[in-house]
């Protein structure tokens, strides 16, 4: 039984090393990569959802890892309930700006196909719409709409990319991303991706 377990472990490690080497060799001629995407975001704490878009520049390091810098924008809407008085049924928008420095490493799963898990450090600046209502002496007073900066914070970003390379330069795929800020999952993002290597 031990022999079987050791054999399986060695086989897995050898296969993993081969996969990494194949991906590294494939990318020797491409040091840099540009990726972008636009898709869906869900914000669990607010129960809201909307759209997110991002652009990312990355460099392939000699170690086989990829270092990337990403700018991301997200706009999510929360439907207001009866506790919001006259605004019940309206939508409360929240805006997020994220700057992420991440590290990832591609793993070949088939010819021209890779899975790329990664982790990054995130800076967040968000804006939340303040409702144009104020309660005075049990009466509702309508105020002006306004946006206000709610917080600036640091967090983590986790991602998994699936990429299909149509050539040595162009890739298409899909990205699943989770942002973790102030001790909770703040955003779940799924986007198709387009990439160009040079």
N, C-alpha and C. Protein backbone atom coordinates (compact mmCIF):
# COMPACT_ATOMS: atom_id res chain seq x y z
N UNK A 1 0.83 -1.20 0.00
CA UNK A 1 0.00 0.00 0.00
C UNK A 1 0.87 1.26 0.00
N UNK A 2 1.95 1.20 0.82
CA UNK A 2 2.86 2.35 0.88
C UNK A 2 3.51 2.59 -0.48
N UNK A 3 3.85 1.47 -1.16
CA UNK A 3 4.48 1.60 -2.47
C UNK A 3 3.57 2.30 -3.46
N UNK A 4 2.30 1.92 -3.42
CA UNK A 4 1.33 2.53 -4.34
C UNK A 4 1.21 4.02 -4.06
N UNK A 5 1.12 4.37 -2.76
CA UNK A 5 0.99 5.78 -2.39
C UNK A 5 2.22 6.58 -2.82
N UNK A 6 3.41 6.01 -2.58
CA UNK A 6 4.65 6.69 -2.96
C UNK A 6 4.74 6.84 -4.48
N UNK A 7 4.37 5.76 -5.20
CA UNK A 7 4.40 5.81 -6.66
C UNK A 7 3.46 6.88 -7.20
N UNK A 8 2.25 6.94 -6.64
CA UNK A 8 1.29 7.96 -7.07
C UNK A 8 1.81 9.36 -6.77
N UNK A 9 2.40 9.55 -5.60
CA UNK A 9 2.93 10.86 -5.22
C UNK A 9 4.05 11.29 -6.16
N UNK A 10 4.99 10.37 -6.42
CA UNK A 10 6.11 10.68 -7.33
C UNK A 10 5.59 10.98 -8.73
N UNK A 11 4.62 10.20 -9.19
CA UNK A 11 4.05 10.42 -10.52
C UNK A 11 3.39 11.79 -10.61
N UNK A 12 2.64 12.15 -9.56
CA UNK A 12 1.97 13.45 -9.54
C UNK A 12 2.98 14.59 -9.57
N UNK A 13 4.03 14.48 -8.74
CA UNK A 13 5.05 15.53 -8.69
C UNK A 13 5.78 15.65 -10.02
N UNK A 14 6.08 14.51 -10.64
CA UNK A 14 6.76 14.53 -11.94
C UNK A 14 5.89 15.17 -13.00
N UNK A 15 4.59 14.82 -12.98
CA UNK A 15 3.66 15.39 -13.95
C UNK A 15 3.54 16.89 -13.76
N UNK A 16 3.45 17.32 -12.47
CA UNK A 16 3.34 18.75 -12.19
C UNK A 16 4.57 19.50 -12.67
N UNK A 17 5.75 18.93 -12.41
CA UNK A 17 6.99 19.58 -12.85
C UNK A 17 7.04 19.68 -14.36
N UNK A 18 6.60 18.61 -15.06
CA UNK A 18 6.57 18.63 -16.51
C UNK A 18 5.64 19.70 -17.03
N UNK A 19 4.47 19.82 -16.39
CA UNK A 19 3.49 20.83 -16.79
C UNK A 19 4.08 22.23 -16.65
N UNK A 20 4.71 22.49 -15.51
CA UNK A 20 5.31 23.81 -15.28
C UNK A 20 6.39 24.08 -16.33
N UNK A 21 7.23 23.08 -16.59
CA UNK A 21 8.32 23.27 -17.54
C UNK A 21 7.79 23.56 -18.93
N UNK A 22 6.74 22.83 -19.34
CA UNK A 22 6.16 23.05 -20.66
C UNK A 22 5.62 24.46 -20.79
N UNK A 23 4.93 24.94 -19.76
CA UNK A 23 4.38 26.28 -19.81
C UNK A 23 5.49 27.31 -19.84
N UNK A 24 6.54 27.09 -19.02
CA UNK A 24 7.65 28.03 -18.98
C UNK A 24 8.34 28.12 -20.34
N UNK A 25 8.59 26.95 -20.96
CA UNK A 25 9.26 26.95 -22.26
C UNK A 25 8.43 27.65 -23.31
N UNK A 26 7.11 27.45 -23.23
CA UNK A 26 6.20 28.04 -24.19
C UNK A 26 6.23 29.56 -24.12
N UNK A 27 6.51 30.08 -22.92
CA UNK A 27 6.40 31.51 -22.71
C UNK A 27 7.75 32.23 -22.71
N UNK A 28 8.83 31.52 -23.02
CA UNK A 28 10.13 32.15 -23.00
C UNK A 28 10.20 33.33 -23.96
N UNK A 29 9.50 33.25 -25.09
CA UNK A 29 9.54 34.31 -26.08
C UNK A 29 8.58 35.45 -25.74
N UNK A 30 7.74 35.30 -24.72
CA UNK A 30 6.77 36.33 -24.34
C UNK A 30 6.99 36.71 -22.88
N UNK A 31 7.61 37.86 -22.68
CA UNK A 31 7.89 38.29 -21.31
C UNK A 31 6.71 39.01 -20.68
N UNK A 32 5.92 39.67 -21.51
CA UNK A 32 4.85 40.51 -20.99
C UNK A 32 3.50 40.06 -21.53
N UNK A 33 2.47 40.42 -20.78
CA UNK A 33 1.11 40.03 -21.17
C UNK A 33 0.12 41.11 -20.75
N UNK A 34 -0.85 41.36 -21.60
CA UNK A 34 -1.93 42.30 -21.28
C UNK A 34 -3.24 41.53 -21.28
N UNK A 35 -4.02 41.67 -20.22
CA UNK A 35 -5.32 41.00 -20.12
C UNK A 35 -6.40 41.98 -19.73
N UNK A 36 -7.61 41.70 -20.13
CA UNK A 36 -8.75 42.53 -19.73
C UNK A 36 -10.00 41.67 -19.67
N UNK A 37 -11.02 42.18 -18.97
CA UNK A 37 -12.27 41.44 -18.85
C UNK A 37 -13.40 42.32 -18.37
N UNK A 38 -14.60 41.91 -18.67
CA UNK A 38 -15.79 42.60 -18.19
C UNK A 38 -16.86 41.54 -17.92
N UNK A 39 -17.51 41.63 -16.75
CA UNK A 39 -18.47 40.59 -16.41
C UNK A 39 -19.28 40.90 -15.17
N UNK A 40 -19.60 39.87 -14.41
CA UNK A 40 -20.57 39.94 -13.31
C UNK A 40 -19.88 40.04 -11.96
N UNK A 41 -20.45 40.86 -11.05
CA UNK A 41 -19.98 40.92 -9.67
C UNK A 41 -21.16 40.73 -8.71
N UNK A 42 -20.89 40.00 -7.63
CA UNK A 42 -21.85 39.86 -6.54
C UNK A 42 -21.17 40.36 -5.27
N UNK A 43 -21.88 41.20 -4.49
CA UNK A 43 -21.34 41.74 -3.23
C UNK A 43 -22.16 41.12 -2.10
N UNK A 44 -21.69 40.01 -1.50
CA UNK A 44 -22.47 39.29 -0.48
C UNK A 44 -22.90 40.13 0.72
N UNK A 45 -22.05 41.02 1.29
CA UNK A 45 -22.50 41.77 2.48
C UNK A 45 -23.73 42.64 2.22
N UNK A 46 -23.86 43.17 1.00
CA UNK A 46 -24.99 44.04 0.68
C UNK A 46 -26.10 43.30 -0.06
N UNK A 47 -25.82 42.08 -0.50
CA UNK A 47 -26.80 41.36 -1.29
C UNK A 47 -27.03 42.02 -2.64
N UNK A 48 -26.01 42.70 -3.15
CA UNK A 48 -26.15 43.43 -4.42
C UNK A 48 -25.35 42.75 -5.52
N UNK A 49 -25.62 43.14 -6.75
CA UNK A 49 -24.89 42.60 -7.89
C UNK A 49 -24.83 43.64 -8.99
N UNK A 50 -23.90 43.44 -9.91
CA UNK A 50 -23.74 44.43 -10.98
C UNK A 50 -22.68 44.00 -11.97
N UNK A 51 -21.89 44.98 -12.41
CA UNK A 51 -20.91 44.74 -13.46
C UNK A 51 -19.52 45.14 -12.99
N UNK A 52 -18.52 44.43 -13.47
CA UNK A 52 -17.13 44.74 -13.14
C UNK A 52 -16.28 44.66 -14.40
N UNK A 53 -15.32 45.57 -14.50
CA UNK A 53 -14.39 45.55 -15.63
C UNK A 53 -12.97 45.81 -15.12
N UNK A 54 -11.99 45.25 -15.80
CA UNK A 54 -10.61 45.38 -15.34
C UNK A 54 -9.63 45.30 -16.50
N UNK A 55 -8.45 45.89 -16.25
CA UNK A 55 -7.32 45.78 -17.18
C UNK A 55 -6.11 45.38 -16.34
N UNK A 56 -5.22 44.61 -16.94
CA UNK A 56 -4.10 44.05 -16.18
C UNK A 56 -2.86 43.91 -17.06
N UNK A 57 -1.74 44.36 -16.54
CA UNK A 57 -0.46 44.16 -17.21
C UNK A 57 0.38 43.23 -16.36
N UNK A 58 1.08 42.28 -16.99
CA UNK A 58 1.85 41.31 -16.21
C UNK A 58 3.19 41.01 -16.86
N UNK A 59 4.10 40.51 -16.03
CA UNK A 59 5.42 40.13 -16.50
C UNK A 59 5.71 38.70 -16.06
N UNK A 60 6.25 37.91 -16.98
CA UNK A 60 6.63 36.53 -16.69
C UNK A 60 8.03 36.54 -16.08
N UNK A 61 8.15 36.06 -14.85
CA UNK A 61 9.43 36.05 -14.15
C UNK A 61 10.22 34.78 -14.48
N UNK A 62 11.51 34.80 -14.23
CA UNK A 62 12.36 33.65 -14.53
C UNK A 62 12.02 32.44 -13.67
N UNK A 63 11.40 32.68 -12.53
CA UNK A 63 11.01 31.58 -11.63
C UNK A 63 9.83 30.78 -12.15
N UNK A 64 9.16 31.30 -13.20
CA UNK A 64 7.96 30.65 -13.71
C UNK A 64 6.69 31.29 -13.21
N UNK A 65 6.81 32.18 -12.22
CA UNK A 65 5.65 32.90 -11.72
C UNK A 65 5.37 34.12 -12.59
N UNK A 66 4.16 34.62 -12.46
CA UNK A 66 3.74 35.83 -13.18
C UNK A 66 3.38 36.90 -12.16
N UNK A 67 3.97 38.08 -12.31
CA UNK A 67 3.64 39.21 -11.45
C UNK A 67 2.76 40.17 -12.25
N UNK A 68 1.62 40.56 -11.68
CA UNK A 68 0.66 41.38 -12.42
C UNK A 68 0.20 42.58 -11.61
N UNK A 69 -0.10 43.65 -12.32
CA UNK A 69 -0.70 44.85 -11.73
C UNK A 69 -2.04 45.07 -12.42
N UNK A 70 -3.12 45.12 -11.62
CA UNK A 70 -4.47 45.21 -12.17
C UNK A 70 -5.23 46.40 -11.60
N UNK A 71 -5.95 47.10 -12.48
CA UNK A 71 -6.90 48.12 -12.05
C UNK A 71 -8.31 47.61 -12.36
N UNK A 72 -9.19 47.66 -11.37
CA UNK A 72 -10.53 47.10 -11.54
C UNK A 72 -11.59 48.06 -11.03
N UNK A 73 -12.68 48.15 -11.79
CA UNK A 73 -13.83 48.99 -11.44
C UNK A 73 -15.05 48.09 -11.31
N UNK A 74 -15.88 48.35 -10.31
CA UNK A 74 -17.12 47.57 -10.14
C UNK A 74 -18.25 48.49 -9.70
N UNK A 75 -19.43 48.22 -10.23
CA UNK A 75 -20.64 48.98 -9.90
C UNK A 75 -21.74 47.98 -9.57
N UNK A 76 -22.21 47.99 -8.32
CA UNK A 76 -23.23 47.03 -7.88
C UNK A 76 -24.45 47.76 -7.34
N UNK A 77 -25.63 47.20 -7.56
CA UNK A 77 -26.89 47.81 -7.13
C UNK A 77 -27.62 46.93 -6.12
N UNK A 78 -28.10 47.56 -5.04
CA UNK A 78 -28.89 46.85 -4.04
C UNK A 78 -30.32 47.38 -4.06
N UNK A 79 -31.30 46.48 -4.16
CA UNK A 79 -32.70 46.89 -4.16
C UNK A 79 -33.13 47.21 -2.73
N UNK A 80 -33.70 48.39 -2.53
CA UNK A 80 -34.07 48.85 -1.20
C UNK A 80 -35.42 48.29 -0.76
N UNK A 81 -35.50 47.94 0.53
CA UNK A 81 -36.72 47.38 1.09
C UNK A 81 -37.61 48.43 1.75
N UNK A 82 -38.62 47.97 2.47
CA UNK A 82 -39.61 48.88 3.04
C UNK A 82 -39.04 49.78 4.13
N UNK A 83 -37.91 49.38 4.72
CA UNK A 83 -37.31 50.21 5.76
C UNK A 83 -36.76 51.52 5.20
N UNK A 84 -36.71 51.63 3.86
CA UNK A 84 -36.22 52.85 3.23
C UNK A 84 -37.35 53.82 2.89
N UNK A 85 -38.53 53.55 3.40
CA UNK A 85 -39.66 54.47 3.25
C UNK A 85 -39.97 54.74 1.78
N UNK A 86 -39.94 56.02 1.38
CA UNK A 86 -40.33 56.38 0.02
C UNK A 86 -39.42 55.78 -1.06
N UNK A 87 -38.26 55.33 -0.65
CA UNK A 87 -37.31 54.79 -1.63
C UNK A 87 -37.45 53.28 -1.83
N UNK A 88 -38.45 52.67 -1.22
CA UNK A 88 -38.65 51.23 -1.38
C UNK A 88 -38.79 50.88 -2.87
N UNK A 89 -38.04 49.88 -3.28
CA UNK A 89 -38.07 49.46 -4.68
C UNK A 89 -37.02 50.13 -5.54
N UNK A 90 -36.40 51.19 -5.03
CA UNK A 90 -35.33 51.84 -5.76
C UNK A 90 -34.03 51.04 -5.58
N UNK A 91 -33.02 51.44 -6.32
CA UNK A 91 -31.74 50.74 -6.25
C UNK A 91 -30.65 51.64 -5.71
N UNK A 92 -29.90 51.12 -4.74
CA UNK A 92 -28.80 51.85 -4.11
C UNK A 92 -27.49 51.40 -4.75
N UNK A 93 -26.80 52.30 -5.48
CA UNK A 93 -25.55 51.90 -6.13
C UNK A 93 -24.34 52.06 -5.23
N UNK A 94 -23.41 51.14 -5.36
CA UNK A 94 -22.10 51.22 -4.70
C UNK A 94 -21.03 51.07 -5.77
N UNK A 95 -19.98 51.87 -5.65
CA UNK A 95 -18.89 51.86 -6.63
C UNK A 95 -17.59 51.46 -5.93
N UNK A 96 -16.85 50.54 -6.56
CA UNK A 96 -15.59 50.06 -6.01
C UNK A 96 -14.46 50.29 -7.01
N UNK A 97 -13.32 50.73 -6.50
CA UNK A 97 -12.08 50.79 -7.28
C UNK A 97 -11.05 49.93 -6.57
N UNK A 98 -10.45 49.00 -7.31
CA UNK A 98 -9.45 48.11 -6.74
C UNK A 98 -8.15 48.21 -7.52
N UNK A 99 -7.04 48.28 -6.79
CA UNK A 99 -5.71 48.18 -7.38
C UNK A 99 -5.05 46.95 -6.76
N UNK A 100 -4.64 46.01 -7.61
CA UNK A 100 -4.17 44.71 -7.12
C UNK A 100 -2.79 44.37 -7.69
N UNK A 101 -1.88 43.99 -6.82
CA UNK A 101 -0.60 43.40 -7.23
C UNK A 101 -0.68 41.91 -6.90
N UNK A 102 -0.54 41.06 -7.91
CA UNK A 102 -0.75 39.63 -7.69
C UNK A 102 0.40 38.78 -8.25
N UNK A 103 0.45 37.55 -7.76
CA UNK A 103 1.42 36.56 -8.23
C UNK A 103 0.66 35.27 -8.56
N UNK A 104 0.98 34.68 -9.69
CA UNK A 104 0.29 33.46 -10.11
C UNK A 104 1.28 32.57 -10.86
N UNK A 105 0.84 31.34 -11.11
CA UNK A 105 1.67 30.42 -11.90
C UNK A 105 0.77 29.52 -12.73
N UNK A 106 1.00 29.47 -14.05
CA UNK A 106 0.15 28.65 -14.92
C UNK A 106 0.47 27.16 -14.81
N UNK A 107 -0.57 26.35 -14.93
CA UNK A 107 -0.44 24.89 -14.92
C UNK A 107 -1.10 24.36 -16.19
N UNK A 108 -0.34 23.65 -17.00
CA UNK A 108 -0.90 23.11 -18.24
C UNK A 108 -1.85 21.96 -17.92
N UNK A 109 -3.05 22.01 -18.50
CA UNK A 109 -4.01 20.91 -18.30
C UNK A 109 -4.28 20.16 -19.60
N UNK A 110 -3.96 20.79 -20.73
CA UNK A 110 -4.12 20.15 -22.04
C UNK A 110 -3.36 21.00 -23.05
N UNK A 111 -3.30 20.53 -24.28
CA UNK A 111 -2.61 21.28 -25.31
C UNK A 111 -3.26 22.66 -25.48
N UNK A 112 -2.47 23.71 -25.33
CA UNK A 112 -2.92 25.11 -25.48
C UNK A 112 -3.85 25.58 -24.37
N UNK A 113 -4.02 24.78 -23.30
CA UNK A 113 -4.92 25.16 -22.21
C UNK A 113 -4.19 25.16 -20.87
N UNK A 114 -4.43 26.20 -20.08
CA UNK A 114 -3.80 26.30 -18.76
C UNK A 114 -4.81 26.76 -17.71
N UNK A 115 -4.53 26.37 -16.47
CA UNK A 115 -5.22 26.89 -15.30
C UNK A 115 -4.19 27.72 -14.54
N UNK A 116 -4.59 28.91 -14.10
CA UNK A 116 -3.63 29.82 -13.46
C UNK A 116 -4.17 30.36 -12.13
N UNK A 117 -3.88 29.69 -11.01
CA UNK A 117 -4.30 30.21 -9.71
C UNK A 117 -3.36 31.33 -9.27
N UNK A 118 -3.90 32.28 -8.50
CA UNK A 118 -3.07 33.38 -8.04
C UNK A 118 -3.63 34.05 -6.80
N UNK A 119 -2.77 34.81 -6.12
CA UNK A 119 -3.17 35.58 -4.95
C UNK A 119 -2.54 36.96 -5.06
N UNK A 120 -3.28 37.98 -4.58
CA UNK A 120 -2.78 39.34 -4.69
C UNK A 120 -3.11 40.19 -3.49
N UNK A 121 -2.38 41.30 -3.38
CA UNK A 121 -2.62 42.28 -2.34
C UNK A 121 -3.42 43.43 -2.94
N UNK A 122 -4.48 43.82 -2.25
CA UNK A 122 -5.48 44.71 -2.82
C UNK A 122 -5.61 46.01 -2.04
N UNK A 123 -5.68 47.13 -2.78
CA UNK A 123 -6.05 48.42 -2.19
C UNK A 123 -7.43 48.78 -2.72
N UNK A 124 -8.33 49.13 -1.82
CA UNK A 124 -9.71 49.42 -2.22
C UNK A 124 -10.13 50.83 -1.83
N UNK A 125 -10.83 51.48 -2.75
CA UNK A 125 -11.51 52.74 -2.45
C UNK A 125 -12.93 52.59 -2.95
N UNK A 126 -13.90 52.83 -2.08
CA UNK A 126 -15.29 52.61 -2.47
C UNK A 126 -16.14 53.83 -2.17
N UNK A 127 -17.18 53.96 -2.96
CA UNK A 127 -18.13 55.05 -2.79
C UNK A 127 -19.52 54.44 -2.65
N UNK A 128 -20.29 54.97 -1.71
CA UNK A 128 -21.64 54.47 -1.50
C UNK A 128 -22.62 55.63 -1.60
N UNK A 129 -23.73 55.40 -2.26
CA UNK A 129 -24.76 56.42 -2.40
C UNK A 129 -25.50 56.57 -1.08
N UNK A 130 -25.62 57.81 -0.61
CA UNK A 130 -26.38 58.08 0.60
C UNK A 130 -27.80 58.43 0.22
N UNK A 131 -28.80 57.81 0.82
CA UNK A 131 -30.19 58.05 0.43
C UNK A 131 -30.60 59.50 0.68
N UNK A 132 -31.39 60.08 -0.21
CA UNK A 132 -31.81 61.48 -0.08
C UNK A 132 -32.97 61.63 0.90
N UNK A 133 -32.83 60.99 2.08
CA UNK A 133 -33.89 61.06 3.08
C UNK A 133 -33.29 61.37 4.45
N UNK A 134 -34.03 62.09 5.24
CA UNK A 134 -33.63 62.32 6.62
C UNK A 134 -34.90 62.39 7.46
N UNK A 135 -34.87 61.75 8.62
CA UNK A 135 -36.06 61.70 9.47
C UNK A 135 -35.95 62.75 10.57
N UNK A 136 -36.90 63.69 10.59
CA UNK A 136 -36.93 64.74 11.61
C UNK A 136 -38.32 64.78 12.24
N UNK A 137 -38.37 64.53 13.56
CA UNK A 137 -39.65 64.55 14.27
C UNK A 137 -40.67 63.63 13.60
N UNK A 138 -40.22 62.43 13.25
CA UNK A 138 -41.09 61.42 12.63
C UNK A 138 -41.61 61.84 11.26
N UNK A 139 -40.97 62.81 10.65
CA UNK A 139 -41.34 63.22 9.30
C UNK A 139 -40.16 62.97 8.37
N UNK A 140 -40.46 62.64 7.14
CA UNK A 140 -39.42 62.38 6.17
C UNK A 140 -39.13 63.63 5.36
N UNK A 141 -37.87 64.04 5.36
CA UNK A 141 -37.45 65.21 4.60
C UNK A 141 -36.57 64.74 3.45
N UNK A 142 -36.90 65.16 2.24
CA UNK A 142 -36.14 64.75 1.07
C UNK A 142 -34.93 65.67 0.89
N UNK A 143 -33.75 65.08 0.78
CA UNK A 143 -32.51 65.83 0.60
C UNK A 143 -31.95 65.57 -0.79
N UNK A 144 -30.81 66.16 -1.09
CA UNK A 144 -30.17 65.95 -2.38
C UNK A 144 -29.43 64.62 -2.42
N UNK A 145 -29.45 63.99 -3.60
CA UNK A 145 -28.65 62.79 -3.78
C UNK A 145 -27.17 63.16 -3.67
N UNK A 146 -26.38 62.25 -3.15
CA UNK A 146 -24.95 62.51 -3.10
C UNK A 146 -24.19 61.20 -2.89
N UNK A 147 -22.98 61.19 -3.38
CA UNK A 147 -22.07 60.07 -3.13
C UNK A 147 -21.06 60.50 -2.08
N UNK A 148 -20.65 59.57 -1.27
CA UNK A 148 -19.65 59.87 -0.25
C UNK A 148 -18.67 58.73 -0.16
N UNK A 149 -17.40 59.07 0.02
CA UNK A 149 -16.39 58.03 0.18
C UNK A 149 -16.63 57.31 1.50
N UNK A 150 -16.84 56.01 1.44
CA UNK A 150 -17.14 55.24 2.64
C UNK A 150 -15.86 54.77 3.31
N UNK A 151 -14.97 54.18 2.55
CA UNK A 151 -13.73 53.72 3.16
C UNK A 151 -12.63 53.50 2.12
N UNK A 152 -11.43 53.50 2.62
CA UNK A 152 -10.25 53.04 1.89
C UNK A 152 -9.67 51.92 2.74
N UNK A 153 -9.35 50.81 2.10
CA UNK A 153 -8.92 49.67 2.89
C UNK A 153 -7.96 48.79 2.10
N UNK A 154 -7.34 47.86 2.81
CA UNK A 154 -6.45 46.88 2.21
C UNK A 154 -7.06 45.49 2.36
N UNK A 155 -6.73 44.61 1.44
CA UNK A 155 -7.27 43.26 1.52
C UNK A 155 -6.51 42.30 0.63
N UNK A 156 -7.13 41.17 0.34
CA UNK A 156 -6.54 40.14 -0.50
C UNK A 156 -7.45 39.84 -1.67
N UNK A 157 -6.86 39.42 -2.76
CA UNK A 157 -7.62 39.03 -3.94
C UNK A 157 -7.16 37.64 -4.37
N UNK A 158 -8.10 36.73 -4.54
CA UNK A 158 -7.81 35.37 -4.98
C UNK A 158 -8.43 35.17 -6.36
N UNK A 159 -7.69 34.54 -7.27
CA UNK A 159 -8.22 34.34 -8.62
C UNK A 159 -7.82 32.97 -9.16
N UNK A 160 -8.62 32.49 -10.10
CA UNK A 160 -8.27 31.31 -10.89
C UNK A 160 -8.64 31.63 -12.33
N UNK A 161 -7.66 31.57 -13.22
CA UNK A 161 -7.89 31.81 -14.65
C UNK A 161 -7.85 30.50 -15.41
N UNK A 162 -8.76 30.37 -16.37
CA UNK A 162 -8.65 29.32 -17.38
C UNK A 162 -8.33 30.03 -18.69
N UNK A 163 -7.26 29.61 -19.36
CA UNK A 163 -6.86 30.27 -20.61
C UNK A 163 -6.69 29.25 -21.73
N UNK A 164 -7.15 29.65 -22.90
CA UNK A 164 -6.93 28.86 -24.11
C UNK A 164 -6.11 29.72 -25.07
N UNK A 165 -4.95 29.23 -25.47
CA UNK A 165 -4.07 29.99 -26.35
C UNK A 165 -4.36 29.64 -27.81
N UNK A 166 -4.82 30.64 -28.57
CA UNK A 166 -5.08 30.43 -30.00
C UNK A 166 -3.78 30.51 -30.80
N UNK A 167 -2.80 31.19 -30.24
CA UNK A 167 -1.47 31.29 -30.84
C UNK A 167 -0.50 31.60 -29.71
N UNK A 168 0.74 31.91 -30.05
CA UNK A 168 1.70 32.29 -29.02
C UNK A 168 1.40 33.68 -28.47
N UNK A 169 0.46 34.39 -29.07
CA UNK A 169 0.20 35.78 -28.69
C UNK A 169 -1.18 36.03 -28.10
N UNK A 170 -2.19 35.34 -28.57
CA UNK A 170 -3.58 35.65 -28.20
C UNK A 170 -4.19 34.54 -27.34
N UNK A 171 -4.85 34.94 -26.24
CA UNK A 171 -5.54 33.98 -25.38
C UNK A 171 -6.96 34.45 -25.08
N UNK A 172 -7.84 33.50 -24.90
CA UNK A 172 -9.20 33.77 -24.42
C UNK A 172 -9.45 32.85 -23.23
N UNK A 173 -10.32 33.28 -22.32
CA UNK A 173 -10.57 32.43 -21.16
C UNK A 173 -11.64 32.99 -20.25
N UNK A 174 -11.59 32.55 -19.00
CA UNK A 174 -12.55 32.99 -18.00
C UNK A 174 -11.82 33.11 -16.66
N UNK A 175 -12.21 34.11 -15.88
CA UNK A 175 -11.60 34.34 -14.56
C UNK A 175 -12.66 34.33 -13.48
N UNK A 176 -12.37 33.60 -12.40
CA UNK A 176 -13.18 33.65 -11.18
C UNK A 176 -12.32 34.32 -10.11
N UNK A 177 -12.88 35.30 -9.44
CA UNK A 177 -12.11 36.11 -8.49
C UNK A 177 -12.92 36.35 -7.22
N UNK A 178 -12.24 36.32 -6.08
CA UNK A 178 -12.85 36.63 -4.79
C UNK A 178 -12.00 37.70 -4.11
N UNK A 179 -12.63 38.78 -3.63
CA UNK A 179 -11.92 39.81 -2.88
C UNK A 179 -12.29 39.68 -1.40
N UNK A 180 -11.26 39.78 -0.56
CA UNK A 180 -11.43 39.60 0.88
C UNK A 180 -10.94 40.87 1.57
N UNK A 181 -11.88 41.63 2.16
CA UNK A 181 -11.56 42.92 2.78
C UNK A 181 -12.26 43.01 4.14
N UNK A 182 -11.57 43.57 5.12
CA UNK A 182 -12.10 43.77 6.48
C UNK A 182 -12.72 42.50 7.06
N UNK A 183 -12.04 41.38 6.85
CA UNK A 183 -12.46 40.13 7.47
C UNK A 183 -13.64 39.44 6.84
N UNK A 184 -14.02 39.83 5.61
CA UNK A 184 -15.15 39.17 4.97
C UNK A 184 -14.98 39.18 3.46
N UNK A 185 -15.70 38.28 2.80
CA UNK A 185 -15.72 38.24 1.34
C UNK A 185 -16.57 39.41 0.86
N UNK A 186 -15.94 40.34 0.16
CA UNK A 186 -16.65 41.54 -0.27
C UNK A 186 -17.12 41.48 -1.71
N UNK A 187 -16.43 40.71 -2.54
CA UNK A 187 -16.83 40.64 -3.93
C UNK A 187 -16.52 39.29 -4.55
N UNK A 188 -17.45 38.79 -5.35
CA UNK A 188 -17.25 37.58 -6.14
C UNK A 188 -17.45 37.97 -7.60
N UNK A 189 -16.41 37.80 -8.41
CA UNK A 189 -16.44 38.29 -9.79
C UNK A 189 -16.18 37.14 -10.75
N UNK A 190 -16.96 37.08 -11.82
CA UNK A 190 -16.74 36.11 -12.90
C UNK A 190 -16.74 36.88 -14.21
N UNK A 191 -15.64 36.79 -14.96
CA UNK A 191 -15.55 37.53 -16.23
C UNK A 191 -14.88 36.68 -17.30
N UNK A 192 -15.31 36.83 -18.56
CA UNK A 192 -14.51 36.30 -19.66
C UNK A 192 -13.25 37.16 -19.78
N UNK A 193 -12.19 36.60 -20.34
CA UNK A 193 -10.93 37.34 -20.44
C UNK A 193 -10.39 37.32 -21.87
N UNK A 194 -9.68 38.38 -22.20
CA UNK A 194 -8.96 38.46 -23.47
C UNK A 194 -7.53 38.84 -23.15
N UNK A 195 -6.56 38.12 -23.71
CA UNK A 195 -5.16 38.40 -23.42
C UNK A 195 -4.31 38.49 -24.66
N UNK A 196 -3.24 39.28 -24.55
CA UNK A 196 -2.29 39.44 -25.65
C UNK A 196 -0.88 39.41 -25.08
N UNK A 197 -0.03 38.53 -25.58
CA UNK A 197 1.35 38.40 -25.11
C UNK A 197 2.31 39.09 -26.08
N UNK A 198 3.35 39.68 -25.53
CA UNK A 198 4.35 40.31 -26.39
C UNK A 198 5.71 40.31 -25.71
